[in-house]
PDB file of all heavy atoms in Angstrom:
ATOM      1  N   PHE A   1     -11.339 -29.973 -34.461  1.00  0.00           N
ATOM      2  CA  PHE A   1     -11.947 -31.206 -34.913  1.00  0.00           C
ATOM      3  C   PHE A   1     -13.020 -31.625 -33.883  1.00  0.00           C
ATOM      4  O   PHE A   1     -12.781 -31.475 -32.655  1.00  0.00           O
ATOM      5  CB  PHE A   1     -10.884 -32.280 -35.109  1.00  0.00           C
ATOM      6  CG  PHE A   1     -11.423 -33.569 -35.677  1.00  0.00           C
ATOM      7  CD1 PHE A   1     -12.014 -33.571 -36.931  1.00  0.00           C
ATOM      8  CD2 PHE A   1     -11.336 -34.748 -34.979  1.00  0.00           C
ATOM      9  CE1 PHE A   1     -12.484 -34.747 -37.479  1.00  0.00           C
ATOM     10  CE2 PHE A   1     -11.818 -35.920 -35.507  1.00  0.00           C
ATOM     11  CZ  PHE A   1     -12.392 -35.933 -36.767  1.00  0.00           C
ATOM     12  N   LYS A   2     -14.103 -32.181 -34.388  1.00  0.00           N
ATOM     13  CA  LYS A   2     -15.240 -32.524 -33.538  1.00  0.00           C
ATOM     14  C   LYS A   2     -14.875 -33.473 -32.408  1.00  0.00           C
ATOM     15  O   LYS A   2     -15.338 -33.336 -31.291  1.00  0.00           O
ATOM     16  CB  LYS A   2     -16.367 -33.096 -34.361  1.00  0.00           C
ATOM     17  CG  LYS A   2     -17.617 -33.470 -33.591  1.00  0.00           C
ATOM     18  CD  LYS A   2     -18.681 -33.991 -34.528  1.00  0.00           C
ATOM     19  CE  LYS A   2     -19.944 -34.366 -33.765  1.00  0.00           C
ATOM     20  NZ  LYS A   2     -21.003 -34.882 -34.676  1.00  0.00           N
ATOM     21  N   PHE A   3     -14.033 -34.453 -32.718  1.00  0.00           N
ATOM     22  CA  PHE A   3     -13.665 -35.462 -31.727  1.00  0.00           C
ATOM     23  C   PHE A   3     -12.231 -35.198 -31.274  1.00  0.00           C
ATOM     24  O   PHE A   3     -11.283 -35.268 -32.103  1.00  0.00           O
ATOM     25  CB  PHE A   3     -13.799 -36.866 -32.307  1.00  0.00           C
ATOM     26  CG  PHE A   3     -15.207 -37.174 -32.747  1.00  0.00           C
ATOM     27  CD1 PHE A   3     -15.515 -37.193 -34.102  1.00  0.00           C
ATOM     28  CD2 PHE A   3     -16.198 -37.444 -31.825  1.00  0.00           C
ATOM     29  CE1 PHE A   3     -16.794 -37.455 -34.510  1.00  0.00           C
ATOM     30  CE2 PHE A   3     -17.490 -37.686 -32.240  1.00  0.00           C
ATOM     31  CZ  PHE A   3     -17.781 -37.698 -33.583  1.00  0.00           C
ATOM     32  N   ASN A   4     -12.044 -34.870 -30.017  1.00  0.00           N
ATOM     33  CA  ASN A   4     -10.753 -34.474 -29.526  1.00  0.00           C
ATOM     34  C   ASN A   4     -10.591 -34.798 -28.072  1.00  0.00           C
ATOM     35  O   ASN A   4     -11.545 -35.286 -27.414  1.00  0.00           O
ATOM     36  CB  ASN A   4     -10.531 -32.966 -29.756  1.00  0.00           C
ATOM     37  CG  ASN A   4     -11.577 -32.137 -29.020  1.00  0.00           C
ATOM     38  OD1 ASN A   4     -11.602 -32.067 -27.786  1.00  0.00           O
ATOM     39  ND2 ASN A   4     -12.436 -31.481 -29.782  1.00  0.00           N
ATOM     40  N   ARG A   5      -9.380 -34.622 -27.585  1.00  0.00           N
ATOM     41  CA  ARG A   5      -9.093 -34.767 -26.165  1.00  0.00           C
ATOM     42  C   ARG A   5      -8.576 -33.460 -25.646  1.00  0.00           C
ATOM     43  O   ARG A   5      -7.659 -32.872 -26.231  1.00  0.00           O
ATOM     44  CB  ARG A   5      -8.050 -35.873 -25.938  1.00  0.00           C
ATOM     45  CG  ARG A   5      -7.698 -36.099 -24.467  1.00  0.00           C
ATOM     46  CD  ARG A   5      -6.608 -37.141 -24.337  1.00  0.00           C
ATOM     47  NE  ARG A   5      -7.056 -38.463 -24.770  1.00  0.00           N
ATOM     48  CZ  ARG A   5      -7.645 -39.355 -23.954  1.00  0.00           C
ATOM     49  NH1 ARG A   5      -7.831 -39.042 -22.672  1.00  0.00           N
ATOM     50  NH2 ARG A   5      -8.021 -40.535 -24.408  1.00  0.00           N
ATOM     51  N   MET A   6      -9.168 -32.985 -24.555  1.00  0.00           N
ATOM     52  CA  MET A   6      -8.678 -31.770 -23.906  1.00  0.00           C
ATOM     53  C   MET A   6      -8.148 -32.153 -22.528  1.00  0.00           C
ATOM     54  O   MET A   6      -8.624 -33.114 -21.911  1.00  0.00           O
ATOM     55  CB  MET A   6      -9.793 -30.740 -23.734  1.00  0.00           C
ATOM     56  CG  MET A   6     -10.333 -30.212 -25.050  1.00  0.00           C
ATOM     57  SD  MET A   6     -11.522 -28.852 -24.848  1.00  0.00           S
ATOM     58  CE  MET A   6     -10.407 -27.501 -24.443  1.00  0.00           C
ATOM     59  N   GLY A   7      -7.133 -31.438 -22.120  1.00  0.00           N
ATOM     60  CA  GLY A   7      -6.564 -31.775 -20.826  1.00  0.00           C
ATOM     61  C   GLY A   7      -5.721 -30.692 -20.237  1.00  0.00           C
ATOM     62  O   GLY A   7      -5.548 -29.625 -20.805  1.00  0.00           O
ATOM     63  N   TRP A   8      -5.178 -31.013 -19.066  1.00  0.00           N
ATOM     64  CA  TRP A   8      -4.279 -30.123 -18.321  1.00  0.00           C
ATOM     65  C   TRP A   8      -2.978 -30.845 -18.057  1.00  0.00           C
ATOM     66  O   TRP A   8      -2.963 -32.017 -17.642  1.00  0.00           O
ATOM     67  CB  TRP A   8      -4.931 -29.697 -17.020  1.00  0.00           C
ATOM     68  CG  TRP A   8      -6.144 -28.876 -17.222  1.00  0.00           C
ATOM     69  CD1 TRP A   8      -7.435 -29.268 -17.299  1.00  0.00           C
ATOM     70  CD2 TRP A   8      -6.148 -27.435 -17.364  1.00  0.00           C
ATOM     71  NE1 TRP A   8      -8.261 -28.198 -17.477  1.00  0.00           N
ATOM     72  CE2 TRP A   8      -7.489 -27.075 -17.529  1.00  0.00           C
ATOM     73  CE3 TRP A   8      -5.164 -26.458 -17.370  1.00  0.00           C
ATOM     74  CZ2 TRP A   8      -7.844 -25.731 -17.697  1.00  0.00           C
ATOM     75  CZ3 TRP A   8      -5.546 -25.146 -17.547  1.00  0.00           C
ATOM     76  CH2 TRP A   8      -6.874 -24.775 -17.697  1.00  0.00           C
ATOM     77  N   TYR A   9      -1.905 -30.137 -18.291  1.00  0.00           N
ATOM     78  CA  TYR A   9      -0.553 -30.575 -17.979  1.00  0.00           C
ATOM     79  C   TYR A   9       0.055 -29.561 -17.034  1.00  0.00           C
ATOM     80  O   TYR A   9      -0.411 -28.434 -16.931  1.00  0.00           O
ATOM     81  CB  TYR A   9       0.296 -30.682 -19.260  1.00  0.00           C
ATOM     82  CG  TYR A   9      -0.111 -31.800 -20.172  1.00  0.00           C
ATOM     83  CD1 TYR A   9      -1.275 -31.760 -20.880  1.00  0.00           C
ATOM     84  CD2 TYR A   9       0.747 -32.894 -20.379  1.00  0.00           C
ATOM     85  CE1 TYR A   9      -1.631 -32.810 -21.764  1.00  0.00           C
ATOM     86  CE2 TYR A   9       0.413 -33.924 -21.243  1.00  0.00           C
ATOM     87  CZ  TYR A   9      -0.786 -33.874 -21.915  1.00  0.00           C
ATOM     88  OH  TYR A   9      -1.128 -34.881 -22.777  1.00  0.00           O
ATOM     89  N   ARG A  10       1.109 -29.972 -16.354  1.00  0.00           N
ATOM     90  CA  ARG A  10       1.834 -29.036 -15.521  1.00  0.00           C
ATOM     91  C   ARG A  10       3.315 -29.254 -15.669  1.00  0.00           C
ATOM     92  O   ARG A  10       3.763 -30.353 -16.003  1.00  0.00           O
ATOM     93  CB  ARG A  10       1.390 -29.140 -14.057  1.00  0.00           C
ATOM     94  CG  ARG A  10       1.667 -30.487 -13.397  1.00  0.00           C
ATOM     95  CD  ARG A  10       1.011 -30.502 -12.008  1.00  0.00           C
ATOM     96  NE  ARG A  10       1.266 -31.732 -11.301  1.00  0.00           N
ATOM     97  CZ  ARG A  10       0.690 -32.072 -10.134  1.00  0.00           C
ATOM     98  NH1 ARG A  10      -0.189 -31.265  -9.564  1.00  0.00           N
ATOM     99  NH2 ARG A  10       0.971 -33.201  -9.554  1.00  0.00           N
ATOM    100  N   GLN A  11       4.035 -28.188 -15.379  1.00  0.00           N
ATOM    101  CA  GLN A  11       5.479 -28.224 -15.568  1.00  0.00           C
ATOM    102  C   GLN A  11       6.169 -27.313 -14.551  1.00  0.00           C
ATOM    103  O   GLN A  11       5.845 -26.121 -14.437  1.00  0.00           O
ATOM    104  CB  GLN A  11       5.858 -27.774 -16.987  1.00  0.00           C
ATOM    105  CG  GLN A  11       7.302 -27.888 -17.333  1.00  0.00           C
ATOM    106  CD  GLN A  11       7.572 -27.630 -18.796  1.00  0.00           C
ATOM    107  OE1 GLN A  11       6.823 -26.944 -19.460  1.00  0.00           O
ATOM    108  NE2 GLN A  11       8.660 -28.181 -19.306  1.00  0.00           N
ATOM    109  N   ALA A  12       7.115 -27.875 -13.847  1.00  0.00           N
ATOM    110  CA  ALA A  12       7.931 -27.113 -12.926  1.00  0.00           C
ATOM    111  C   ALA A  12       9.254 -26.771 -13.625  1.00  0.00           C
ATOM    112  O   ALA A  12       9.657 -27.467 -14.572  1.00  0.00           O
ATOM    113  CB  ALA A  12       8.220 -27.954 -11.672  1.00  0.00           C
ATOM    114  N   PRO A  13       9.929 -25.743 -13.190  1.00  0.00           N
ATOM    115  CA  PRO A  13      11.203 -25.348 -13.832  1.00  0.00           C
ATOM    116  C   PRO A  13      12.207 -26.508 -13.849  1.00  0.00           C
ATOM    117  O   PRO A  13      12.424 -27.169 -12.828  1.00  0.00           O
ATOM    118  CB  PRO A  13      11.718 -24.226 -12.950  1.00  0.00           C
ATOM    119  CG  PRO A  13      10.481 -23.633 -12.371  1.00  0.00           C
ATOM    120  CD  PRO A  13       9.545 -24.799 -12.142  1.00  0.00           C
ATOM    121  N   GLY A  14      12.743 -26.772 -15.001  1.00  0.00           N
ATOM    122  CA  GLY A  14      13.742 -27.820 -15.148  1.00  0.00           C
ATOM    123  C   GLY A  14      13.198 -29.235 -15.248  1.00  0.00           C
ATOM    124  O   GLY A  14      13.965 -30.191 -15.311  1.00  0.00           O
ATOM    125  N   LYS A  15      11.892 -29.341 -15.263  1.00  0.00           N
ATOM    126  CA  LYS A  15      11.261 -30.677 -15.321  1.00  0.00           C
ATOM    127  C   LYS A  15      10.416 -30.790 -16.587  1.00  0.00           C
ATOM    128  O   LYS A  15      10.054 -29.785 -17.231  1.00  0.00           O
ATOM    129  CB  LYS A  15      10.393 -30.915 -14.085  1.00  0.00           C
ATOM    130  CG  LYS A  15      11.196 -31.024 -12.801  1.00  0.00           C
ATOM    131  CD  LYS A  15      10.319 -31.485 -11.642  1.00  0.00           C
ATOM    132  CE  LYS A  15      11.091 -31.670 -10.395  1.00  0.00           C
ATOM    133  NZ  LYS A  15      10.236 -32.139  -9.257  1.00  0.00           N
ATOM    134  N   GLU A  16      10.119 -32.023 -16.955  1.00  0.00           N
ATOM    135  CA  GLU A  16       9.265 -32.261 -18.116  1.00  0.00           C
ATOM    136  C   GLU A  16       7.814 -31.967 -17.811  1.00  0.00           C
ATOM    137  O   GLU A  16       7.375 -32.049 -16.659  1.00  0.00           O
ATOM    138  CB  GLU A  16       9.393 -33.721 -18.569  1.00  0.00           C
ATOM    139  CG  GLU A  16      10.757 -34.057 -19.148  1.00  0.00           C
ATOM    140  CD  GLU A  16      10.773 -35.464 -19.767  1.00  0.00           C
ATOM    141  OE1 GLU A  16       9.724 -36.131 -19.713  1.00  0.00           O
ATOM    142  OE2 GLU A  16      11.830 -35.835 -20.314  1.00  0.00           O
ATOM    143  N   ARG A  17       7.119 -31.586 -18.844  1.00  0.00           N
ATOM    144  CA  ARG A  17       5.677 -31.341 -18.695  1.00  0.00           C
ATOM    145  C   ARG A  17       4.978 -32.692 -18.475  1.00  0.00           C
ATOM    146  O   ARG A  17       5.261 -33.640 -19.219  1.00  0.00           O
ATOM    147  CB  ARG A  17       5.150 -30.661 -19.953  1.00  0.00           C
ATOM    148  CG  ARG A  17       3.769 -30.040 -19.822  1.00  0.00           C
ATOM    149  CD  ARG A  17       3.469 -29.154 -21.014  1.00  0.00           C
ATOM    150  NE  ARG A  17       4.327 -27.971 -21.043  1.00  0.00           N
ATOM    151  CZ  ARG A  17       4.182 -26.997 -21.931  1.00  0.00           C
ATOM    152  NH1 ARG A  17       3.236 -27.049 -22.855  1.00  0.00           N
ATOM    153  NH2 ARG A  17       5.024 -25.957 -21.905  1.00  0.00           N
ATOM    154  N   GLU A  18       4.077 -32.751 -17.509  1.00  0.00           N
ATOM    155  CA  GLU A  18       3.403 -33.991 -17.232  1.00  0.00           C
ATOM    156  C   GLU A  18       1.886 -33.849 -17.242  1.00  0.00           C
ATOM    157  O   GLU A  18       1.362 -32.775 -16.923  1.00  0.00           O
ATOM    158  CB  GLU A  18       3.831 -34.516 -15.825  1.00  0.00           C
ATOM    159  CG  GLU A  18       3.434 -33.623 -14.676  1.00  0.00           C
ATOM    160  CD  GLU A  18       3.796 -34.197 -13.319  1.00  0.00           C
ATOM    161  OE1 GLU A  18       4.553 -35.199 -13.255  1.00  0.00           O
ATOM    162  OE2 GLU A  18       3.326 -33.671 -12.307  1.00  0.00           O
ATOM    163  N   LEU A  19       1.242 -34.949 -17.630  1.00  0.00           N
ATOM    164  CA  LEU A  19      -0.208 -34.926 -17.665  1.00  0.00           C
ATOM    165  C   LEU A  19      -0.790 -34.875 -16.264  1.00  0.00           C
ATOM    166  O   LEU A  19      -0.365 -35.597 -15.364  1.00  0.00           O
ATOM    167  CB  LEU A  19      -0.723 -36.198 -18.378  1.00  0.00           C
ATOM    168  CG  LEU A  19      -2.233 -36.369 -18.379  1.00  0.00           C
ATOM    169  CD1 LEU A  19      -2.917 -35.323 -19.268  1.00  0.00           C
ATOM    170  CD2 LEU A  19      -2.579 -37.774 -18.821  1.00  0.00           C
ATOM    171  N   VAL A  20      -1.779 -33.991 -16.083  1.00  0.00           N
ATOM    172  CA  VAL A  20      -2.539 -33.938 -14.844  1.00  0.00           C
ATOM    173  C   VAL A  20      -3.859 -34.689 -15.010  1.00  0.00           C
ATOM    174  O   VAL A  20      -4.187 -35.593 -14.229  1.00  0.00           O
ATOM    175  CB  VAL A  20      -2.814 -32.474 -14.432  1.00  0.00           C
ATOM    176  CG1 VAL A  20      -3.668 -32.433 -13.166  1.00  0.00           C
ATOM    177  CG2 VAL A  20      -1.509 -31.718 -14.208  1.00  0.00           C
ATOM    178  N   ALA A  21      -4.582 -34.340 -16.026  1.00  0.00           N
ATOM    179  CA  ALA A  21      -5.873 -34.975 -16.327  1.00  0.00           C
ATOM    180  C   ALA A  21      -6.287 -34.648 -17.756  1.00  0.00           C
ATOM    181  O   ALA A  21      -5.933 -33.599 -18.270  1.00  0.00           O
ATOM    182  CB  ALA A  21      -6.951 -34.498 -15.363  1.00  0.00           C
ATOM    183  N   SER A  22      -7.032 -35.562 -18.372  1.00  0.00           N
ATOM    184  CA  SER A  22      -7.545 -35.286 -19.719  1.00  0.00           C
ATOM    185  C   SER A  22      -8.911 -35.927 -19.843  1.00  0.00           C
ATOM    186  O   SER A  22      -9.290 -36.854 -19.097  1.00  0.00           O
ATOM    187  CB  SER A  22      -6.592 -35.843 -20.786  1.00  0.00           C
ATOM    188  OG  SER A  22      -6.583 -37.262 -20.773  1.00  0.00           O
ATOM    189  N   ILE A  23      -9.654 -35.413 -20.827  1.00  0.00           N
ATOM    190  CA  ILE A  23     -11.020 -35.902 -21.065  1.00  0.00           C
ATOM    191  C   ILE A  23     -11.322 -35.789 -22.548  1.00  0.00           C
ATOM    192  O   ILE A  23     -11.019 -34.768 -23.200  1.00  0.00           O
ATOM    193  CB  ILE A  23     -12.045 -35.090 -20.218  1.00  0.00           C
ATOM    194  CG1 ILE A  23     -13.450 -35.576 -20.416  1.00  0.00           C
ATOM    195  CG2 ILE A  23     -11.938 -33.591 -20.492  1.00  0.00           C
ATOM    196  CD1 ILE A  23     -14.453 -34.992 -19.441  1.00  0.00           C
ATOM    197  N   THR A  24     -11.914 -36.847 -23.081  1.00  0.00           N
ATOM    198  CA  THR A  24     -12.234 -36.839 -24.496  1.00  0.00           C
ATOM    199  C   THR A  24     -13.640 -36.243 -24.726  1.00  0.00           C
ATOM    200  O   THR A  24     -14.398 -35.994 -23.772  1.00  0.00           O
ATOM    201  CB  THR A  24     -12.240 -38.276 -25.072  1.00  0.00           C
ATOM    202  OG1 THR A  24     -13.334 -38.994 -24.459  1.00  0.00           O
ATOM    203  CG2 THR A  24     -10.957 -38.984 -24.790  1.00  0.00           C
ATOM    204  N   THR A  25     -13.924 -36.009 -25.976  1.00  0.00           N
ATOM    205  CA  THR A  25     -15.241 -35.509 -26.348  1.00  0.00           C
ATOM    206  C   THR A  25     -16.331 -36.443 -25.808  1.00  0.00           C
ATOM    207  O   THR A  25     -17.424 -36.002 -25.369  1.00  0.00           O
ATOM    208  CB  THR A  25     -15.388 -35.378 -27.855  1.00  0.00           C
ATOM    209  OG1 THR A  25     -14.249 -34.713 -28.381  1.00  0.00           O
ATOM    210  CG2 THR A  25     -16.614 -34.595 -28.229  1.00  0.00           C
ATOM    211  N   GLY A  26     -16.065 -37.727 -25.822  1.00  0.00           N
ATOM    212  CA  GLY A  26     -17.035 -38.737 -25.364  1.00  0.00           C
ATOM    213  C   GLY A  26     -17.039 -38.930 -23.866  1.00  0.00           C
ATOM    214  O   GLY A  26     -17.867 -39.687 -23.362  1.00  0.00           O
ATOM    215  N   GLY A  27     -16.150 -38.273 -23.132  1.00  0.00           N
ATOM    216  CA  GLY A  27     -16.179 -38.331 -21.683  1.00  0.00           C
ATOM    217  C   GLY A  27     -15.200 -39.297 -21.025  1.00  0.00           C
ATOM    218  O   GLY A  27     -15.283 -39.523 -19.813  1.00  0.00           O
ATOM    219  N   THR A  28     -14.303 -39.866 -21.800  1.00  0.00           N
ATOM    220  CA  THR A  28     -13.279 -40.764 -21.208  1.00  0.00           C
ATOM    221  C   THR A  28     -12.255 -39.911 -20.481  1.00  0.00           C
ATOM    222  O   THR A  28     -11.682 -38.998 -21.084  1.00  0.00           O
ATOM    223  CB  THR A  28     -12.632 -41.617 -22.282  1.00  0.00           C
ATOM    224  OG1 THR A  28     -13.634 -42.426 -22.927  1.00  0.00           O
ATOM    225  CG2 THR A  28     -11.565 -42.511 -21.652  1.00  0.00           C
ATOM    226  N   ILE A  29     -11.996 -40.220 -19.220  1.00  0.00           N
ATOM    227  CA  ILE A  29     -11.141 -39.417 -18.359  1.00  0.00           C
ATOM    228  C   ILE A  29      -9.903 -40.200 -17.916  1.00  0.00           C
ATOM    229  O   ILE A  29      -9.991 -41.379 -17.642  1.00  0.00           O
ATOM    230  CB  ILE A  29     -11.935 -38.918 -17.138  1.00  0.00           C
ATOM    231  CG1 ILE A  29     -13.016 -37.939 -17.557  1.00  0.00           C
ATOM    232  CG2 ILE A  29     -10.998 -38.327 -16.085  1.00  0.00           C
ATOM    233  CD1 ILE A  29     -13.934 -37.539 -16.417  1.00  0.00           C
ATOM    234  N   THR A  30      -8.801 -39.471 -17.888  1.00  0.00           N
ATOM    235  CA  THR A  30      -7.553 -40.007 -17.359  1.00  0.00           C
ATOM    236  C   THR A  30      -6.990 -39.029 -16.319  1.00  0.00           C
ATOM    237  O   THR A  30      -7.006 -37.806 -16.542  1.00  0.00           O
ATOM    238  CB  THR A  30      -6.522 -40.177 -18.473  1.00  0.00           C
ATOM    239  OG1 THR A  30      -7.031 -41.073 -19.468  1.00  0.00           O
ATOM    240  CG2 THR A  30      -5.209 -40.746 -17.920  1.00  0.00           C
ATOM    241  N   TYR A  31      -6.542 -39.550 -15.184  1.00  0.00           N
ATOM    242  CA  TYR A  31      -5.925 -38.739 -14.149  1.00  0.00           C
ATOM    243  C   TYR A  31      -4.524 -39.250 -13.862  1.00  0.00           C
ATOM    244  O   TYR A  31      -4.259 -40.463 -13.891  1.00  0.00           O
ATOM    245  CB  TYR A  31      -6.712 -38.792 -12.843  1.00  0.00           C
ATOM    246  CG  TYR A  31      -8.045 -38.084 -12.863  1.00  0.00           C
ATOM    247  CD1 TYR A  31      -9.226 -38.822 -12.849  1.00  0.00           C
ATOM    248  CD2 TYR A  31      -8.108 -36.691 -12.842  1.00  0.00           C
ATOM    249  CE1 TYR A  31     -10.468 -38.176 -12.829  1.00  0.00           C
ATOM    250  CE2 TYR A  31      -9.337 -36.042 -12.843  1.00  0.00           C
ATOM    251  CZ  TYR A  31     -10.495 -36.796 -12.848  1.00  0.00           C
ATOM    252  OH  TYR A  31     -11.719 -36.171 -12.832  1.00  0.00           O
ATOM    253  N   ALA A  32      -3.626 -38.328 -13.510  1.00  0.00           N
ATOM    254  CA  ALA A  32      -2.359 -38.736 -12.950  1.00  0.00           C
ATOM    255  C   ALA A  32      -2.612 -39.302 -11.568  1.00  0.00           C
ATOM    256  O   ALA A  32      -3.517 -38.837 -10.844  1.00  0.00           O
ATOM    257  CB  ALA A  32      -1.427 -37.536 -12.867  1.00  0.00           C
ATOM    258  N   ASN A  33      -1.804 -40.277 -11.153  1.00  0.00           N
ATOM    259  CA  ASN A  33      -2.017 -40.904  -9.831  1.00  0.00           C
ATOM    260  C   ASN A  33      -1.928 -39.863  -8.712  1.00  0.00           C
ATOM    261  O   ASN A  33      -2.638 -39.976  -7.696  1.00  0.00           O
ATOM    262  CB  ASN A  33      -0.981 -42.001  -9.606  1.00  0.00           C
ATOM    263  CG  ASN A  33      -1.262 -43.226 -10.477  1.00  0.00           C
ATOM    264  OD1 ASN A  33      -2.413 -43.508 -10.837  1.00  0.00           O
ATOM    265  ND2 ASN A  33      -0.221 -43.964 -10.787  1.00  0.00           N
ATOM    266  N   SER A  34      -1.092 -38.873  -8.895  1.00  0.00           N
ATOM    267  CA  SER A  34      -0.861 -37.891  -7.831  1.00  0.00           C
ATOM    268  C   SER A  34      -2.055 -37.005  -7.555  1.00  0.00           C
ATOM    269  O   SER A  34      -2.106 -36.343  -6.512  1.00  0.00           O
ATOM    270  CB  SER A  34       0.340 -37.022  -8.218  1.00  0.00           C
ATOM    271  OG  SER A  34       0.110 -36.378  -9.436  1.00  0.00           O
ATOM    272  N   VAL A  35      -3.039 -36.955  -8.497  1.00  0.00           N
ATOM    273  CA  VAL A  35      -4.186 -36.081  -8.283  1.00  0.00           C
ATOM    274  C   VAL A  35      -5.506 -36.824  -8.154  1.00  0.00           C
ATOM    275  O   VAL A  35      -6.545 -36.217  -7.904  1.00  0.00           O
ATOM    276  CB  VAL A  35      -4.293 -35.031  -9.430  1.00  0.00           C
ATOM    277  CG1 VAL A  35      -2.983 -34.274  -9.571  1.00  0.00           C
ATOM    278  CG2 VAL A  35      -4.723 -35.697 -10.748  1.00  0.00           C
ATOM    279  N   LYS A  36      -5.476 -38.152  -8.313  1.00  0.00           N
ATOM    280  CA  LYS A  36      -6.704 -38.923  -8.197  1.00  0.00           C
ATOM    281  C   LYS A  36      -7.348 -38.711  -6.846  1.00  0.00           C
ATOM    282  O   LYS A  36      -6.684 -38.745  -5.804  1.00  0.00           O
ATOM    283  CB  LYS A  36      -6.409 -40.391  -8.423  1.00  0.00           C
ATOM    284  CG  LYS A  36      -6.186 -40.785  -9.858  1.00  0.00           C
ATOM    285  CD  LYS A  36      -5.933 -42.288  -9.997  1.00  0.00           C
ATOM    286  CE  LYS A  36      -5.714 -42.676 -11.460  1.00  0.00           C
ATOM    287  NZ  LYS A  36      -5.391 -44.120 -11.600  1.00  0.00           N
ATOM    288  N   GLY A  37      -8.665 -38.498  -6.859  1.00  0.00           N
ATOM    289  CA  GLY A  37      -9.400 -38.264  -5.603  1.00  0.00           C
ATOM    290  C   GLY A  37      -9.398 -36.833  -5.154  1.00  0.00           C
ATOM    291  O   GLY A  37     -10.104 -36.484  -4.206  1.00  0.00           O
ATOM    292  N   ARG A  38      -8.568 -35.985  -5.774  1.00  0.00           N
ATOM    293  CA  ARG A  38      -8.491 -34.562  -5.373  1.00  0.00           C
ATOM    294  C   ARG A  38      -8.942 -33.639  -6.498  1.00  0.00           C
ATOM    295  O   ARG A  38      -9.552 -32.602  -6.256  1.00  0.00           O
ATOM    296  CB  ARG A  38      -7.050 -34.216  -4.963  1.00  0.00           C
ATOM    297  CG  ARG A  38      -6.564 -34.995  -3.769  1.00  0.00           C
ATOM    298  CD  ARG A  38      -5.218 -34.441  -3.267  1.00  0.00           C
ATOM    299  NE  ARG A  38      -4.186 -34.523  -4.256  1.00  0.00           N
ATOM    300  CZ  ARG A  38      -3.475 -33.476  -4.732  1.00  0.00           C
ATOM    301  NH1 ARG A  38      -3.736 -32.252  -4.229  1.00  0.00           N
ATOM    302  NH2 ARG A  38      -2.534 -33.627  -5.623  1.00  0.00           N
ATOM    303  N   PHE A  39      -8.583 -33.952  -7.731  1.00  0.00           N
ATOM    304  CA  PHE A  39      -8.898 -33.117  -8.868  1.00  0.00           C
ATOM    305  C   PHE A  39     -10.024 -33.738  -9.669  1.00  0.00           C
ATOM    306  O   PHE A  39     -10.152 -34.956  -9.773  1.00  0.00           O
ATOM    307  CB  PHE A  39      -7.689 -32.949  -9.762  1.00  0.00           C
ATOM    308  CG  PHE A  39      -6.571 -32.162  -9.213  1.00  0.00           C
ATOM    309  CD1 PHE A  39      -6.546 -31.753  -7.884  1.00  0.00           C
ATOM    310  CD2 PHE A  39      -5.482 -31.789 -10.017  1.00  0.00           C
ATOM    311  CE1 PHE A  39      -5.506 -30.995  -7.335  1.00  0.00           C
ATOM    312  CE2 PHE A  39      -4.431 -31.034  -9.508  1.00  0.00           C
ATOM    313  CZ  PHE A  39      -4.433 -30.672  -8.166  1.00  0.00           C
ATOM    314  N   ILE A  40     -10.846 -32.891 -10.288  1.00  0.00           N
ATOM    315  CA  ILE A  40     -11.925 -33.350 -11.138  1.00  0.00           C
ATOM    316  C   ILE A  40     -11.887 -32.564 -12.437  1.00  0.00           C
ATOM    317  O   ILE A  40     -11.912 -31.321 -12.427  1.00  0.00           O
ATOM    318  CB  ILE A  40     -13.279 -33.139 -10.459  1.00  0.00           C
ATOM    319  CG1 ILE A  40     -13.377 -33.876  -9.142  1.00  0.00           C
ATOM    320  CG2 ILE A  40     -14.425 -33.597 -11.396  1.00  0.00           C
ATOM    321  CD1 ILE A  40     -14.603 -33.563  -8.330  1.00  0.00           C
ATOM    322  N   ILE A  41     -11.822 -33.301 -13.536  1.00  0.00           N
ATOM    323  CA  ILE A  41     -11.808 -32.660 -14.845  1.00  0.00           C
ATOM    324  C   ILE A  41     -13.191 -32.818 -15.474  1.00  0.00           C
ATOM    325  O   ILE A  41     -13.855 -33.824 -15.294  1.00  0.00           O
ATOM    326  CB  ILE A  41     -10.732 -33.235 -15.776  1.00  0.00           C
ATOM    327  CG1 ILE A  41     -10.578 -32.386 -17.057  1.00  0.00           C
ATOM    328  CG2 ILE A  41     -11.024 -34.693 -16.145  1.00  0.00           C
ATOM    329  CD1 ILE A  41      -9.365 -32.738 -17.893  1.00  0.00           C
ATOM    330  N   SER A  42     -13.645 -31.790 -16.174  1.00  0.00           N
ATOM    331  CA  SER A  42     -14.924 -31.845 -16.872  1.00  0.00           C
ATOM    332  C   SER A  42     -14.837 -30.959 -18.102  1.00  0.00           C
ATOM    333  O   SER A  42     -13.890 -30.189 -18.260  1.00  0.00           O
ATOM    334  CB  SER A  42     -16.072 -31.380 -15.941  1.00  0.00           C
ATOM    335  OG  SER A  42     -15.859 -30.047 -15.519  1.00  0.00           O
ATOM    336  N   ARG A  43     -15.818 -31.078 -18.959  1.00  0.00           N
ATOM    337  CA  ARG A  43     -15.818 -30.243 -20.169  1.00  0.00           C
ATOM    338  C   ARG A  43     -17.230 -29.966 -20.627  1.00  0.00           C
ATOM    339  O   ARG A  43     -18.167 -30.696 -20.317  1.00  0.00           O
ATOM    340  CB  ARG A  43     -15.019 -30.909 -21.292  1.00  0.00           C
ATOM    341  CG  ARG A  43     -15.591 -32.202 -21.837  1.00  0.00           C
ATOM    342  CD  ARG A  43     -14.653 -32.798 -22.912  1.00  0.00           C
ATOM    343  NE  ARG A  43     -14.670 -31.989 -24.104  1.00  0.00           N
ATOM    344  CZ  ARG A  43     -13.790 -32.156 -25.120  1.00  0.00           C
ATOM    345  NH1 ARG A  43     -12.795 -33.035 -24.996  1.00  0.00           N
ATOM    346  NH2 ARG A  43     -13.863 -31.389 -26.180  1.00  0.00           N
ATOM    347  N   ASP A  44     -17.341 -28.871 -21.396  1.00  0.00           N
ATOM    348  CA  ASP A  44     -18.587 -28.474 -22.033  1.00  0.00           C
ATOM    349  C   ASP A  44     -18.295 -28.519 -23.533  1.00  0.00           C
ATOM    350  O   ASP A  44     -17.663 -27.591 -24.040  1.00  0.00           O
ATOM    351  CB  ASP A  44     -19.005 -27.092 -21.573  1.00  0.00           C
ATOM    352  CG  ASP A  44     -20.355 -26.682 -22.130  1.00  0.00           C
ATOM    353  OD1 ASP A  44     -20.718 -27.104 -23.229  1.00  0.00           O
ATOM    354  OD2 ASP A  44     -21.050 -25.879 -21.476  1.00  0.00           O
ATOM    355  N   ASN A  45     -18.756 -29.536 -24.213  1.00  0.00           N
ATOM    356  CA  ASN A  45     -18.436 -29.684 -25.614  1.00  0.00           C
ATOM    357  C   ASN A  45     -19.004 -28.545 -26.473  1.00  0.00           C
ATOM    358  O   ASN A  45     -18.378 -28.110 -27.442  1.00  0.00           O
ATOM    359  CB  ASN A  45     -18.941 -31.023 -26.159  1.00  0.00           C
ATOM    360  CG  ASN A  45     -18.153 -32.200 -25.600  1.00  0.00           C
ATOM    361  OD1 ASN A  45     -16.989 -32.079 -25.252  1.00  0.00           O
ATOM    362  ND2 ASN A  45     -18.820 -33.351 -25.486  1.00  0.00           N
TER     363      ASN A  45
END
């Protein structure tokens, strides 16, 4: 679908999958607090 959100999650053994970062088609970005300032998400639509 033309309008979507893409992102990265991570999961350690025995733990729930957690959001790392996501970005919408329009460029709205969300980061987990643990990676803010260290990770950068981007996309090529």
